[in-house]
């Protein structure tokens, strides 16, 4: 528990980074784009 008390800022930063990554980088959409079979990213408004 002493380790957590002395390193709480690093724990908070890691939790914040993981949260932003998992929930869309602060509301910018993140990983919401579709991918085509060749592996390239495709914009959501493109038709196949």
N, C-alpha and C. Protein backbone atom coordinates (compact mmCIF):
# COMPACT_ATOMS: atom_id res chain seq x y z
N UNK A 1 0.82 -1.19 0.00
CA UNK A 1 0.00 0.00 0.00
C UNK A 1 0.87 1.26 0.00
N UNK A 2 2.04 1.16 0.58
CA UNK A 2 2.97 2.30 0.57
C UNK A 2 3.41 2.62 -0.86
N UNK A 3 3.60 1.57 -1.68
CA UNK A 3 3.99 1.78 -3.08
C UNK A 3 2.91 2.57 -3.82
N UNK A 4 1.65 2.22 -3.60
CA UNK A 4 0.54 2.91 -4.25
C UNK A 4 0.45 4.37 -3.79
N UNK A 5 0.69 4.61 -2.53
CA UNK A 5 0.64 5.97 -2.00
C UNK A 5 1.74 6.84 -2.59
N UNK A 6 2.90 6.27 -2.87
CA UNK A 6 4.00 7.06 -3.41
C UNK A 6 3.98 7.14 -4.94
N UNK A 7 3.24 6.27 -5.62
CA UNK A 7 3.21 6.24 -7.08
C UNK A 7 1.80 6.42 -7.64
N UNK A 8 0.91 7.07 -6.91
CA UNK A 8 -0.48 7.20 -7.35
C UNK A 8 -0.60 7.98 -8.65
N UNK A 9 0.28 8.94 -8.89
CA UNK A 9 0.18 9.74 -10.11
C UNK A 9 0.41 8.88 -11.35
N UNK A 10 1.36 7.95 -11.28
CA UNK A 10 1.63 7.07 -12.43
C UNK A 10 0.47 6.12 -12.66
N UNK A 11 -0.12 5.63 -11.59
CA UNK A 11 -1.28 4.75 -11.72
C UNK A 11 -2.44 5.52 -12.36
N UNK A 12 -2.65 6.77 -11.94
CA UNK A 12 -3.72 7.58 -12.51
C UNK A 12 -3.48 7.86 -14.00
N UNK A 13 -2.23 8.12 -14.37
CA UNK A 13 -1.91 8.37 -15.78
C UNK A 13 -2.16 7.13 -16.64
N UNK A 14 -1.75 5.97 -16.16
CA UNK A 14 -1.95 4.73 -16.92
C UNK A 14 -3.44 4.44 -17.07
N UNK A 15 -4.20 4.61 -16.01
CA UNK A 15 -5.65 4.38 -16.08
C UNK A 15 -6.30 5.37 -17.04
N UNK A 16 -5.86 6.62 -17.01
CA UNK A 16 -6.40 7.63 -17.93
C UNK A 16 -6.09 7.31 -19.38
N UNK A 17 -4.86 6.88 -19.67
CA UNK A 17 -4.48 6.53 -21.04
C UNK A 17 -5.29 5.33 -21.54
N UNK A 18 -5.42 4.31 -20.71
CA UNK A 18 -6.22 3.15 -21.10
C UNK A 18 -7.67 3.54 -21.33
N UNK A 19 -8.21 4.38 -20.48
CA UNK A 19 -9.59 4.82 -20.64
C UNK A 19 -9.81 5.60 -21.93
N UNK A 20 -8.87 6.50 -22.24
CA UNK A 20 -9.00 7.26 -23.49
C UNK A 20 -8.87 6.36 -24.71
N UNK A 21 -7.99 5.37 -24.64
CA UNK A 21 -7.83 4.45 -25.77
C UNK A 21 -9.07 3.59 -25.97
N UNK A 22 -9.60 3.07 -24.88
CA UNK A 22 -10.75 2.18 -24.99
C UNK A 22 -12.04 2.92 -25.33
N UNK A 23 -12.16 4.17 -24.92
CA UNK A 23 -13.41 4.90 -25.13
C UNK A 23 -13.29 5.98 -26.20
N UNK A 24 -12.39 5.83 -27.15
CA UNK A 24 -12.39 6.69 -28.32
C UNK A 24 -11.53 7.93 -28.27
N UNK A 25 -10.45 7.94 -27.55
CA UNK A 25 -9.51 9.06 -27.55
C UNK A 25 -10.20 10.39 -27.25
N UNK A 26 -10.99 10.42 -26.22
CA UNK A 26 -11.62 11.67 -25.81
C UNK A 26 -12.78 12.11 -26.68
N UNK A 27 -13.43 11.20 -27.37
CA UNK A 27 -14.60 11.54 -28.16
C UNK A 27 -14.33 11.82 -29.63
N UNK A 28 -13.16 11.51 -30.13
CA UNK A 28 -12.83 11.76 -31.53
C UNK A 28 -13.13 10.58 -32.44
N UNK A 29 -13.76 9.55 -31.93
CA UNK A 29 -14.13 8.42 -32.77
C UNK A 29 -13.23 7.22 -32.60
N UNK A 30 -11.95 7.42 -32.44
CA UNK A 30 -11.03 6.33 -32.17
C UNK A 30 -11.01 5.25 -33.23
N UNK A 31 -11.38 4.04 -32.86
CA UNK A 31 -11.29 2.87 -33.73
C UNK A 31 -12.63 2.53 -34.38
N UNK A 32 -13.42 3.50 -34.75
CA UNK A 32 -14.75 3.22 -35.27
C UNK A 32 -14.78 2.98 -36.77
N UNK A 33 -13.67 3.18 -37.47
CA UNK A 33 -13.64 3.00 -38.92
C UNK A 33 -13.68 1.53 -39.31
N UNK A 34 -14.25 1.26 -40.51
CA UNK A 34 -14.28 -0.12 -41.01
C UNK A 34 -12.99 -0.38 -41.79
N UNK A 35 -12.67 -1.66 -41.95
CA UNK A 35 -11.46 -2.04 -42.68
C UNK A 35 -11.85 -2.89 -43.88
N UNK A 36 -11.13 -2.69 -44.98
CA UNK A 36 -11.40 -3.52 -46.15
C UNK A 36 -10.59 -4.81 -46.06
N UNK A 37 -10.90 -5.83 -46.88
CA UNK A 37 -10.23 -7.13 -46.78
C UNK A 37 -8.72 -7.07 -47.00
N UNK A 38 -8.22 -6.09 -47.74
CA UNK A 38 -6.78 -6.00 -47.98
C UNK A 38 -6.03 -5.45 -46.78
N UNK A 39 -6.72 -4.99 -45.76
CA UNK A 39 -6.07 -4.52 -44.54
C UNK A 39 -5.97 -3.01 -44.42
N UNK A 40 -6.31 -2.27 -45.47
CA UNK A 40 -6.27 -0.81 -45.40
C UNK A 40 -7.50 -0.27 -44.72
N UNK A 41 -7.37 0.89 -44.13
CA UNK A 41 -8.52 1.50 -43.47
C UNK A 41 -9.45 2.11 -44.51
N UNK A 42 -10.72 1.99 -44.27
CA UNK A 42 -11.74 2.55 -45.17
C UNK A 42 -12.56 3.56 -44.37
N UNK A 43 -12.84 4.68 -44.97
CA UNK A 43 -13.67 5.67 -44.29
C UNK A 43 -15.09 5.16 -44.20
N UNK A 44 -15.81 5.48 -43.10
CA UNK A 44 -17.18 4.97 -42.91
C UNK A 44 -18.15 5.39 -44.02
N UNK A 45 -17.92 6.51 -44.72
CA UNK A 45 -18.86 6.94 -45.74
C UNK A 45 -18.58 6.35 -47.11
N UNK A 46 -17.51 5.55 -47.26
CA UNK A 46 -17.21 4.91 -48.55
C UNK A 46 -18.14 3.73 -48.77
N UNK A 47 -18.56 3.54 -49.99
CA UNK A 47 -19.37 2.38 -50.37
C UNK A 47 -18.46 1.35 -51.01
N UNK A 48 -18.76 0.08 -50.76
CA UNK A 48 -17.93 -0.98 -51.37
C UNK A 48 -18.50 -1.50 -52.67
